[in-house]
Amino acid sequence: MADVKIRKLKDIYVEWFKQDAKRKGISLEEELRQRLEQSILDQQLKARRALIEDLKTFKMIPAPGYDSVKAIRGERDRIGKRVDATKKEAARKKTKAKS
C-alpha cells in the first residue's frame, strides 16, 4: 500500500479530523483513511447510478413490470410464423414445379 503526505493543510482541518477521530475512538490516520475510502465509494456509486440512468434512456434496462416471458413468447411466435410461411412457400413452389 502507498503512503501519502499532504502538505500545507490548514490547521483547522487537521483539528477537525482529530476531533472526529477522537469521538470515534480511532486514530487520525484511520479517520483520514476512512474518509478517503468513503469519498471514492461515493463517487463510484454516483457514476454507477448515472450509468444506470443512461442505460434506461437507451432502453437497455427493462422498465419495472416488464414481462420478459411475454416478450420472448411473442418473438418466438413471430419467428415461428415466418418459418411456417417460408415452409409453405417452399412447398407451394415444389408443388408448382412438379406441375
PDB file of N, CA and C in Angstrom:
ATOM      1  N   MET A   1       0.845  -1.185   0.000  1.00  0.00           N
ATOM      2  CA  MET A   1       0.000   0.000   0.000  1.00  0.00           C
ATOM      3  C   MET A   1       0.883   1.239   0.000  1.00  0.00           C
ATOM      4  N   ALA A   2       0.342   2.302  -0.520  1.00  0.00           N
ATOM      5  CA  ALA A   2       1.102   3.545  -0.656  1.00  0.00           C
ATOM      6  C   ALA A   2       0.961   4.418   0.583  1.00  0.00           C
ATOM      7  N   ASP A   3       1.977   5.239   0.782  1.00  0.00           N
ATOM      8  CA  ASP A   3       1.941   6.264   1.830  1.00  0.00           C
ATOM      9  C   ASP A   3       1.771   7.605   1.149  1.00  0.00           C
ATOM     10  N   VAL A   4       1.004   8.479   1.774  1.00  0.00           N
ATOM     11  CA  VAL A   4       0.758   9.801   1.210  1.00  0.00           C
ATOM     12  C   VAL A   4       1.019  10.843   2.279  1.00  0.00           C
ATOM     13  N   LYS A   5       1.667  11.920   1.868  1.00  0.00           N
ATOM     14  CA  LYS A   5       1.894  13.040   2.783  1.00  0.00           C
ATOM     15  C   LYS A   5       1.245  14.266   2.158  1.00  0.00           C
ATOM     16  N   ILE A   6       0.430  14.940   2.941  1.00  0.00           N
ATOM     17  CA  ILE A   6      -0.250  16.132   2.447  1.00  0.00           C
ATOM     18  C   ILE A   6       0.368  17.353   3.126  1.00  0.00           C
ATOM     19  N   ARG A   7       0.862  18.257   2.313  1.00  0.00           N
ATOM     20  CA  ARG A   7       1.486  19.471   2.841  1.00  0.00           C
ATOM     21  C   ARG A   7       0.509  20.631   2.750  1.00  0.00           C
ATOM     22  N   LYS A   8       0.746  21.625   3.566  1.00  0.00           N
ATOM     23  CA  LYS A   8       0.013  22.902   3.552  1.00  0.00           C
ATOM     24  C   LYS A   8      -1.485  22.711   3.781  1.00  0.00           C
ATOM     25  N   LEU A   9      -1.827  21.760   4.629  1.00  0.00           N
ATOM     26  CA  LEU A   9      -3.212  21.559   5.013  1.00  0.00           C
ATOM     27  C   LEU A   9      -3.502  22.492   6.179  1.00  0.00           C
ATOM     28  N   LYS A  10      -4.590  23.193   6.118  1.00  0.00           N
ATOM     29  CA  LYS A  10      -4.909  24.159   7.168  1.00  0.00           C
ATOM     30  C   LYS A  10      -5.072  23.456   8.514  1.00  0.00           C
ATOM     31  N   ASP A  11      -4.553  24.090   9.548  1.00  0.00           N
ATOM     32  CA  ASP A  11      -4.601  23.528  10.901  1.00  0.00           C
ATOM     33  C   ASP A  11      -6.023  23.237  11.352  1.00  0.00           C
ATOM     34  N   ILE A  12      -6.952  24.066  10.940  1.00  0.00           N
ATOM     35  CA  ILE A  12      -8.347  23.877  11.361  1.00  0.00           C
ATOM     36  C   ILE A  12      -8.899  22.557  10.820  1.00  0.00           C
ATOM     37  N   TYR A  13      -8.470  22.174   9.602  1.00  0.00           N
ATOM     38  CA  TYR A  13      -8.925  20.902   9.035  1.00  0.00           C
ATOM     39  C   TYR A  13      -8.347  19.724   9.808  1.00  0.00           C
ATOM     40  N   VAL A  14      -7.073  19.824  10.113  1.00  0.00           N
ATOM     41  CA  VAL A  14      -6.409  18.747  10.864  1.00  0.00           C
ATOM     42  C   VAL A  14      -7.088  18.592  12.228  1.00  0.00           C
ATOM     43  N   GLU A  15      -7.364  19.695  12.867  1.00  0.00           N
ATOM     44  CA  GLU A  15      -8.023  19.662  14.175  1.00  0.00           C
ATOM     45  C   GLU A  15      -9.419  19.048  14.062  1.00  0.00           C
ATOM     46  N   TRP A  16     -10.108  19.392  13.011  1.00  0.00           N
ATOM     47  CA  TRP A  16     -11.457  18.852  12.765  1.00  0.00           C
ATOM     48  C   TRP A  16     -11.398  17.327  12.654  1.00  0.00           C
ATOM     49  N   PHE A  17     -10.470  16.829  11.835  1.00  0.00           N
ATOM     50  CA  PHE A  17     -10.333  15.387  11.668  1.00  0.00           C
ATOM     51  C   PHE A  17      -9.893  14.708  12.965  1.00  0.00           C
ATOM     52  N   LYS A  18      -9.019  15.349  13.719  1.00  0.00           N
ATOM     53  CA  LYS A  18      -8.571  14.791  15.009  1.00  0.00           C
ATOM     54  C   LYS A  18      -9.749  14.642  15.963  1.00  0.00           C
ATOM     55  N   GLN A  19     -10.597  15.652  16.027  1.00  0.00           N
ATOM     56  CA  GLN A  19     -11.760  15.603  16.907  1.00  0.00           C
ATOM     57  C   GLN A  19     -12.717  14.483  16.495  1.00  0.00           C
ATOM     58  N   ASP A  20     -12.943  14.357  15.186  1.00  0.00           N
ATOM     59  CA  ASP A  20     -13.809  13.268  14.704  1.00  0.00           C
ATOM     60  C   ASP A  20     -13.217  11.906  15.053  1.00  0.00           C
ATOM     61  N   ALA A  21     -11.906  11.781  14.866  1.00  0.00           N
ATOM     62  CA  ALA A  21     -11.235  10.515  15.177  1.00  0.00           C
ATOM     63  C   ALA A  21     -11.347  10.203  16.664  1.00  0.00           C
ATOM     64  N   LYS A  22     -11.127  11.199  17.480  1.00  0.00           N
ATOM     65  CA  LYS A  22     -11.198  11.007  18.933  1.00  0.00           C
ATOM     66  C   LYS A  22     -12.603  10.584  19.351  1.00  0.00           C
ATOM     67  N   ARG A  23     -13.605  11.239  18.773  1.00  0.00           N
ATOM     68  CA  ARG A  23     -15.000  10.919  19.094  1.00  0.00           C
ATOM     69  C   ARG A  23     -15.332   9.475  18.707  1.00  0.00           C
ATOM     70  N   LYS A  24     -14.729   8.996  17.620  1.00  0.00           N
ATOM     71  CA  LYS A  24     -14.977   7.632  17.152  1.00  0.00           C
ATOM     72  C   LYS A  24     -14.060   6.614  17.829  1.00  0.00           C
ATOM     73  N   GLY A  25     -13.062   7.100  18.514  1.00  0.00           N
ATOM     74  CA  GLY A  25     -12.133   6.195  19.186  1.00  0.00           C
ATOM     75  C   GLY A  25     -11.140   5.546  18.242  1.00  0.00           C
ATOM     76  N   ILE A  26     -10.785   6.264  17.187  1.00  0.00           N
ATOM     77  CA  ILE A  26      -9.813   5.745  16.226  1.00  0.00           C
ATOM     78  C   ILE A  26      -8.689   6.765  16.043  1.00  0.00           C
ATOM     79  N   SER A  27      -7.640   6.350  15.357  1.00  0.00           N
ATOM     80  CA  SER A  27      -6.511   7.253  15.126  1.00  0.00           C
ATOM     81  C   SER A  27      -6.847   8.246  14.019  1.00  0.00           C
ATOM     82  N   LEU A  28      -6.086   9.320  13.981  1.00  0.00           N
ATOM     83  CA  LEU A  28      -6.236  10.308  12.910  1.00  0.00           C
ATOM     84  C   LEU A  28      -5.989   9.634  11.557  1.00  0.00           C
ATOM     85  N   GLU A  29      -4.987   8.796  11.507  1.00  0.00           N
ATOM     86  CA  GLU A  29      -4.674   8.086  10.263  1.00  0.00           C
ATOM     87  C   GLU A  29      -5.860   7.252   9.782  1.00  0.00           C
ATOM     88  N   GLU A  30      -6.474   6.521  10.703  1.00  0.00           N
ATOM     89  CA  GLU A  30      -7.629   5.688  10.345  1.00  0.00           C
ATOM     90  C   GLU A  30      -8.809   6.555   9.918  1.00  0.00           C
ATOM     91  N   GLU A  31      -9.022   7.665  10.605  1.00  0.00           N
ATOM     92  CA  GLU A  31     -10.105   8.583  10.238  1.00  0.00           C
ATOM     93  C   GLU A  31      -9.914   9.086   8.803  1.00  0.00           C
ATOM     94  N   LEU A  32      -8.709   9.502   8.477  1.00  0.00           N
ATOM     95  CA  LEU A  32      -8.428  10.012   7.135  1.00  0.00           C
ATOM     96  C   LEU A  32      -8.566   8.910   6.089  1.00  0.00           C
ATOM     97  N   ARG A  33      -8.105   7.715   6.423  1.00  0.00           N
ATOM     98  CA  ARG A  33      -8.230   6.575   5.509  1.00  0.00           C
ATOM     99  C   ARG A  33      -9.705   6.297   5.217  1.00  0.00           C
ATOM    100  N   GLN A  34     -10.523   6.274   6.269  1.00  0.00           N
ATOM    101  CA  GLN A  34     -11.949   6.010   6.093  1.00  0.00           C
ATOM    102  C   GLN A  34     -12.621   7.098   5.258  1.00  0.00           C
ATOM    103  N   ARG A  35     -12.244   8.337   5.497  1.00  0.00           N
ATOM    104  CA  ARG A  35     -12.827   9.458   4.736  1.00  0.00           C
ATOM    105  C   ARG A  35     -12.469   9.351   3.252  1.00  0.00           C
ATOM    106  N   LEU A  36     -11.215   9.032   2.968  1.00  0.00           N
ATOM    107  CA  LEU A  36     -10.798   8.887   1.569  1.00  0.00           C
ATOM    108  C   LEU A  36     -11.524   7.725   0.899  1.00  0.00           C
ATOM    109  N   GLU A  37     -11.590   6.601   1.589  1.00  0.00           N
ATOM    110  CA  GLU A  37     -12.277   5.434   1.034  1.00  0.00           C
ATOM    111  C   GLU A  37     -13.754   5.728   0.797  1.00  0.00           C
ATOM    112  N   GLN A  38     -14.396   6.399   1.746  1.00  0.00           N
ATOM    113  CA  GLN A  38     -15.813   6.725   1.595  1.00  0.00           C
ATOM    114  C   GLN A  38     -16.035   7.684   0.433  1.00  0.00           C
ATOM    115  N   SER A  39     -15.131   8.619   0.275  1.00  0.00           N
ATOM    116  CA  SER A  39     -15.230   9.564  -0.840  1.00  0.00           C
ATOM    117  C   SER A  39     -15.168   8.830  -2.178  1.00  0.00           C
ATOM    118  N   ILE A  40     -14.261   7.876  -2.285  1.00  0.00           N
ATOM    119  CA  ILE A  40     -14.135   7.099  -3.522  1.00  0.00           C
ATOM    120  C   ILE A  40     -15.383   6.251  -3.749  1.00  0.00           C
ATOM    121  N   LEU A  41     -15.874   5.600  -2.698  1.00  0.00           N
ATOM    122  CA  LEU A  41     -17.073   4.773  -2.826  1.00  0.00           C
ATOM    123  C   LEU A  41     -18.274   5.623  -3.243  1.00  0.00           C
ATOM    124  N   ASP A  42     -18.392   6.823  -2.684  1.00  0.00           N
ATOM    125  CA  ASP A  42     -19.483   7.718  -3.054  1.00  0.00           C
ATOM    126  C   ASP A  42     -19.410   8.102  -4.532  1.00  0.00           C
ATOM    127  N   GLN A  43     -18.206   8.379  -5.013  1.00  0.00           N
ATOM    128  CA  GLN A  43     -18.028   8.736  -6.422  1.00  0.00           C
ATOM    129  C   GLN A  43     -18.352   7.559  -7.329  1.00  0.00           C
ATOM    130  N   GLN A  44     -17.944   6.359  -6.914  1.00  0.00           N
ATOM    131  CA  GLN A  44     -18.245   5.167  -7.709  1.00  0.00           C
ATOM    132  C   GLN A  44     -19.747   4.924  -7.769  1.00  0.00           C
ATOM    133  N   LEU A  45     -20.417   5.088  -6.639  1.00  0.00           N
ATOM    134  CA  LEU A  45     -21.863   4.906  -6.596  1.00  0.00           C
ATOM    135  C   LEU A  45     -22.560   5.921  -7.498  1.00  0.00           C
ATOM    136  N   LYS A  46     -22.115   7.149  -7.435  1.00  0.00           N
ATOM    137  CA  LYS A  46     -22.688   8.197  -8.277  1.00  0.00           C
ATOM    138  C   LYS A  46     -22.494   7.862  -9.757  1.00  0.00           C
ATOM    139  N   ALA A  47     -21.314   7.378 -10.118  1.00  0.00           N
ATOM    140  CA  ALA A  47     -21.031   7.004 -11.508  1.00  0.00           C
ATOM    141  C   ALA A  47     -21.904   5.834 -11.944  1.00  0.00           C
ATOM    142  N   ARG A  48     -22.090   4.856 -11.062  1.00  0.00           N
ATOM    143  CA  ARG A  48     -22.940   3.701 -11.398  1.00  0.00           C
ATOM    144  C   ARG A  48     -24.386   4.119 -11.592  1.00  0.00           C
ATOM    145  N   ARG A  49     -24.870   4.997 -10.723  1.00  0.00           N
ATOM    146  CA  ARG A  49     -26.254   5.479 -10.872  1.00  0.00           C
ATOM    147  C   ARG A  49     -26.431   6.243 -12.183  1.00  0.00           C
ATOM    148  N   ALA A  50     -25.439   7.040 -12.543  1.00  0.00           N
ATOM    149  CA  ALA A  50     -25.501   7.770 -13.808  1.00  0.00           C
ATOM    150  C   ALA A  50     -25.515   6.799 -14.983  1.00  0.00           C
ATOM    151  N   LEU A  51     -24.714   5.742 -14.899  1.00  0.00           N
ATOM    152  CA  LEU A  51     -24.680   4.733 -15.956  1.00  0.00           C
ATOM    153  C   LEU A  51     -26.025   4.033 -16.078  1.00  0.00           C
ATOM    154  N   ILE A  52     -26.627   3.698 -14.949  1.00  0.00           N
ATOM    155  CA  ILE A  52     -27.941   3.048 -14.971  1.00  0.00           C
ATOM    156  C   ILE A  52     -28.975   3.954 -15.627  1.00  0.00           C
ATOM    157  N   GLU A  53     -28.935   5.236 -15.309  1.00  0.00           N
ATOM    158  CA  GLU A  53     -29.870   6.179 -15.929  1.00  0.00           C
ATOM    159  C   GLU A  53     -29.632   6.262 -17.437  1.00  0.00           C
ATOM    160  N   ASP A  54     -28.367   6.261 -17.848  1.00  0.00           N
ATOM    161  CA  ASP A  54     -28.051   6.277 -19.279  1.00  0.00           C
ATOM    162  C   ASP A  54     -28.583   5.023 -19.956  1.00  0.00           C
ATOM    163  N   LEU A  55     -28.408   3.870 -19.321  1.00  0.00           N
ATOM    164  CA  LEU A  55     -28.895   2.623 -19.898  1.00  0.00           C
ATOM    165  C   LEU A  55     -30.412   2.614 -19.999  1.00  0.00           C
ATOM    166  N   LYS A  56     -31.068   3.185 -19.016  1.00  0.00           N
ATOM    167  CA  LYS A  56     -32.537   3.278 -19.062  1.00  0.00           C
ATOM    168  C   LYS A  56     -32.963   4.156 -20.231  1.00  0.00           C
ATOM    169  N   THR A  57     -32.209   5.229 -20.465  1.00  0.00           N
ATOM    170  CA  THR A  57     -32.513   6.134 -21.563  1.00  0.00           C
ATOM    171  C   THR A  57     -32.448   5.399 -22.896  1.00  0.00           C
ATOM    172  N   PHE A  58     -31.477   4.510 -23.021  1.00  0.00           N
ATOM    173  CA  PHE A  58     -31.323   3.743 -24.250  1.00  0.00           C
ATOM    174  C   PHE A  58     -32.133   2.454 -24.215  1.00  0.00           C
ATOM    175  N   LYS A  59     -32.976   2.319 -23.197  1.00  0.00           N
ATOM    176  CA  LYS A  59     -33.884   1.179 -23.037  1.00  0.00           C
ATOM    177  C   LYS A  59     -33.141  -0.152 -22.992  1.00  0.00           C
ATOM    178  N   MET A  60     -31.964  -0.148 -22.396  1.00  0.00           N
ATOM    179  CA  MET A  60     -31.207  -1.381 -22.253  1.00  0.00           C
ATOM    180  C   MET A  60     -31.544  -2.076 -20.937  1.00  0.00           C
ATOM    181  N   ILE A  61     -32.221  -1.369 -20.056  1.00  0.00           N
ATOM    182  CA  ILE A  61     -32.685  -1.961 -18.808  1.00  0.00           C
ATOM    183  C   ILE A  61     -34.203  -1.920 -18.856  1.00  0.00           C
ATOM    184  N   PRO A  62     -34.850  -3.056 -18.724  1.00  0.00           N
ATOM    185  CA  PRO A  62     -36.306  -3.080 -18.804  1.00  0.00           C
ATOM    186  C   PRO A  62     -36.947  -2.224 -17.717  1.00  0.00           C
ATOM    187  N   ALA A  63     -38.066  -1.648 -18.070  1.00  0.00           N
ATOM    188  CA  ALA A  63     -38.822  -0.852 -17.111  1.00  0.00           C
ATOM    189  C   ALA A  63     -39.411  -1.767 -16.049  1.00  0.00           C
ATOM    190  N   PRO A  64     -39.678  -1.235 -14.863  1.00  0.00           N
ATOM    191  CA  PRO A  64     -40.315  -2.055 -13.825  1.00  0.00           C
ATOM    192  C   PRO A  64     -41.635  -2.629 -14.341  1.00  0.00           C
ATOM    193  N   GLY A  65     -41.866  -3.882 -14.063  1.00  0.00           N
ATOM    194  CA  GLY A  65     -43.098  -4.530 -14.501  1.00  0.00           C
ATOM    195  C   GLY A  65     -42.999  -5.149 -15.889  1.00  0.00           C
ATOM    196  N   TYR A  66     -41.842  -4.991 -16.542  1.00  0.00           N
ATOM    197  CA  TYR A  66     -41.646  -5.547 -17.878  1.00  0.00           C
ATOM    198  C   TYR A  66     -41.673  -7.063 -17.792  1.00  0.00           C
ATOM    199  N   ASP A  67     -42.490  -7.686 -18.628  1.00  0.00           N
ATOM    200  CA  ASP A  67     -42.622  -9.142 -18.607  1.00  0.00           C
ATOM    201  C   ASP A  67     -41.792  -9.745 -19.733  1.00  0.00           C
ATOM    202  N   SER A  68     -40.596 -10.209 -19.395  1.00  0.00           N
ATOM    203  CA  SER A  68     -39.704 -10.758 -20.417  1.00  0.00           C
ATOM    204  C   SER A  68     -40.258 -12.056 -20.998  1.00  0.00           C
ATOM    205  N   VAL A  69     -40.992 -12.809 -20.205  1.00  0.00           N
ATOM    206  CA  VAL A  69     -41.555 -14.076 -20.693  1.00  0.00           C
ATOM    207  C   VAL A  69     -42.519 -13.793 -21.840  1.00  0.00           C
ATOM    208  N   LYS A  70     -43.359 -12.803 -21.666  1.00  0.00           N
ATOM    209  CA  LYS A  70     -44.330 -12.433 -22.697  1.00  0.00           C
ATOM    210  C   LYS A  70     -43.610 -11.966 -23.961  1.00  0.00           C
ATOM    211  N   ALA A  71     -42.559 -11.173 -23.784  1.00  0.00           N
ATOM    212  CA  ALA A  71     -41.801 -10.672 -24.935  1.00  0.00           C
ATOM    213  C   ALA A  71     -41.111 -11.814 -25.675  1.00  0.00           C
ATOM    214  N   ILE A  72     -40.531 -12.748 -24.925  1.00  0.00           N
ATOM    215  CA  ILE A  72     -39.850 -13.887 -25.559  1.00  0.00           C
ATOM    216  C   ILE A  72     -40.840 -14.758 -26.305  1.00  0.00           C
ATOM    217  N   ARG A  73     -41.985 -15.018 -25.685  1.00  0.00           N
ATOM    218  CA  ARG A  73     -43.005 -15.828 -26.365  1.00  0.00           C
ATOM    219  C   ARG A  73     -43.487 -15.145 -27.636  1.00  0.00           C
ATOM    220  N   GLY A  74     -43.681 -13.842 -27.559  1.00  0.00           N
ATOM    221  CA  GLY A  74     -44.110 -13.084 -28.739  1.00  0.00           C
ATOM    222  C   GLY A  74     -43.091 -13.164 -29.858  1.00  0.00           C
ATOM    223  N   GLU A  75     -41.816 -13.053 -29.498  1.00  0.00           N
ATOM    224  CA  GLU A  75     -40.752 -13.133 -30.501  1.00  0.00           C
ATOM    225  C   GLU A  75     -40.691 -14.535 -31.104  1.00  0.00           C
ATOM    226  N   ARG A  76     -40.834 -15.561 -30.280  1.00  0.00           N
ATOM    227  CA  ARG A  76     -40.834 -16.939 -30.793  1.00  0.00           C
ATOM    228  C   ARG A  76     -42.013 -17.165 -31.734  1.00  0.00           C
ATOM    229  N   ASP A  77     -43.172 -16.634 -31.357  1.00  0.00           N
ATOM    230  CA  ASP A  77     -44.350 -16.776 -32.223  1.00  0.00           C
ATOM    231  C   ASP A  77     -44.115 -16.079 -33.561  1.00  0.00           C
ATOM    232  N   ARG A  78     -43.537 -14.888 -33.513  1.00  0.00           N
ATOM    233  CA  ARG A  78     -43.277 -14.132 -34.737  1.00  0.00           C
ATOM    234  C   ARG A  78     -42.307 -14.890 -35.630  1.00  0.00           C
ATOM    235  N   ILE A  79     -41.242 -15.422 -35.036  1.00  0.00           N
ATOM    236  CA  ILE A  79     -40.259 -16.192 -35.809  1.00  0.00           C
ATOM    237  C   ILE A  79     -40.901 -17.474 -36.334  1.00  0.00           C
ATOM    238  N   GLY A  80     -41.702 -18.113 -35.493  1.00  0.00           N
ATOM    239  CA  GLY A  80     -42.375 -19.344 -35.900  1.00  0.00           C
ATOM    240  C   GLY A  80     -43.294 -19.120 -37.083  1.00  0.00           C
ATOM    241  N   LYS A  81     -44.015 -18.011 -37.085  1.00  0.00           N
ATOM    242  CA  LYS A  81     -44.906 -17.699 -38.209  1.00  0.00           C
ATOM    243  C   LYS A  81     -44.099 -17.466 -39.478  1.00  0.00           C
ATOM    244  N   ARG A  82     -42.952 -16.821 -39.346  1.00  0.00           N
ATOM    245  CA  ARG A  82     -42.095 -16.559 -40.503  1.00  0.00           C
ATOM    246  C   ARG A  82     -41.551 -17.880 -41.047  1.00  0.00           C
ATOM    247  N   VAL A  83     -41.162 -18.787 -40.149  1.00  0.00           N
ATOM    248  CA  VAL A  83     -40.654 -20.096 -40.572  1.00  0.00           C
ATOM    249  C   VAL A  83     -41.768 -20.887 -41.245  1.00  0.00           C
ATOM    250  N   ASP A  84     -42.972 -20.855 -40.656  1.00  0.00           N
ATOM    251  CA  ASP A  84     -44.114 -21.568 -41.251  1.00  0.00           C
ATOM    252  C   ASP A  84     -44.423 -21.012 -42.639  1.00  0.00           C
ATOM    253  N   ALA A  85     -44.386 -19.688 -42.781  1.00  0.00           N
ATOM    254  CA  ALA A  85     -44.661 -19.067 -44.078  1.00  0.00           C
ATOM    255  C   ALA A  85     -43.606 -19.468 -45.098  1.00  0.00           C
ATOM    256  N   THR A  86     -42.355 -19.550 -44.667  1.00  0.00           N
ATOM    257  CA  THR A  86     -41.267 -19.937 -45.570  1.00  0.00           C
ATOM    258  C   THR A  86     -41.442 -21.387 -46.004  1.00  0.00           C
ATOM    259  N   LYS A  87     -41.841 -22.251 -45.072  1.00  0.00           N
ATOM    260  CA  LYS A  87     -42.065 -23.667 -45.403  1.00  0.00           C
ATOM    261  C   LYS A  87     -43.228 -23.811 -46.376  1.00  0.00           C
ATOM    262  N   LYS A  88     -44.303 -23.056 -46.142  1.00  0.00           N
ATOM    263  CA  LYS A  88     -45.465 -23.107 -47.040  1.00  0.00           C
ATOM    264  C   LYS A  88     -45.099 -22.623 -48.430  1.00  0.00           C
ATOM    265  N   GLU A  89     -44.297 -21.553 -48.502  1.00  0.00           N
ATOM    266  CA  GLU A  89     -43.869 -21.017 -49.787  1.00  0.00           C
ATOM    267  C   GLU A  89     -43.005 -22.034 -50.528  1.00  0.00           C
ATOM    268  N   ALA A  90     -42.111 -22.710 -49.800  1.00  0.00           N
ATOM    269  CA  ALA A  90     -41.249 -23.729 -50.411  1.00  0.00           C
ATOM    270  C   ALA A  90     -42.090 -24.884 -50.916  1.00  0.00           C
ATOM    271  N   ALA A  91     -43.073 -25.305 -50.132  1.00  0.00           N
ATOM    272  CA  ALA A  91     -43.958 -26.408 -50.544  1.00  0.00           C
ATOM    273  C   ALA A  91     -44.780 -25.995 -51.769  1.00  0.00           C
ATOM    274  N   ARG A  92     -45.248 -24.749 -51.800  1.00  0.00           N
ATOM    275  CA  ARG A  92     -46.030 -24.265 -52.953  1.00  0.00           C
ATOM    276  C   ARG A  92     -45.187 -24.276 -54.215  1.00  0.00           C
ATOM    277  N   LYS A  93     -43.907 -23.814 -54.084  1.00  0.00           N
ATOM    278  CA  LYS A  93     -43.013 -23.784 -55.237  1.00  0.00           C
ATOM    279  C   LYS A  93     -42.717 -25.208 -55.727  1.00  0.00           C
ATOM    280  N   LYS A  94     -42.541 -26.131 -54.766  1.00  0.00           N
ATOM    281  CA  LYS A  94     -42.242 -27.518 -55.111  1.00  0.00           C
ATOM    282  C   LYS A  94     -43.418 -28.127 -55.852  1.00  0.00           C
ATOM    283  N   THR A  95     -44.642 -27.848 -55.349  1.00  0.00           N
ATOM    284  CA  THR A  95     -45.862 -28.378 -55.988  1.00  0.00           C
ATOM    285  C   THR A  95     -46.011 -27.770 -57.377  1.00  0.00           C
ATOM    286  N   LYS A  96     -45.729 -26.477 -57.503  1.00  0.00           N
ATOM    287  CA  LYS A  96     -45.851 -25.775 -58.775  1.00  0.00           C
ATOM    288  C   LYS A  96     -44.823 -26.299 -59.757  1.00  0.00           C
ATOM    289  N   ALA A  97     -43.627 -26.611 -59.287  1.00  0.00           N
ATOM    290  CA  ALA A  97     -42.565 -27.117 -60.158  1.00  0.00           C
ATOM    291  C   ALA A  97     -42.923 -28.502 -60.688  1.00  0.00           C
ATOM    292  N   LYS A  98     -43.607 -29.303 -59.889  1.00  0.00           N
ATOM    293  CA  LYS A  98     -43.994 -30.652 -60.311  1.00  0.00           C
ATOM    294  C   LYS A  98     -45.074 -30.590 -61.379  1.00  0.00           C
ATOM    295  N   SER A  99     -45.871 -29.515 -61.368  1.00  0.00           N
ATOM    296  CA  SER A  99     -46.996 -29.404 -62.298  1.00  0.00           C
ATOM    297  C   SER A  99     -46.598 -29.102 -63.699  1.00  0.00           C
TER     298      SER A  99
END
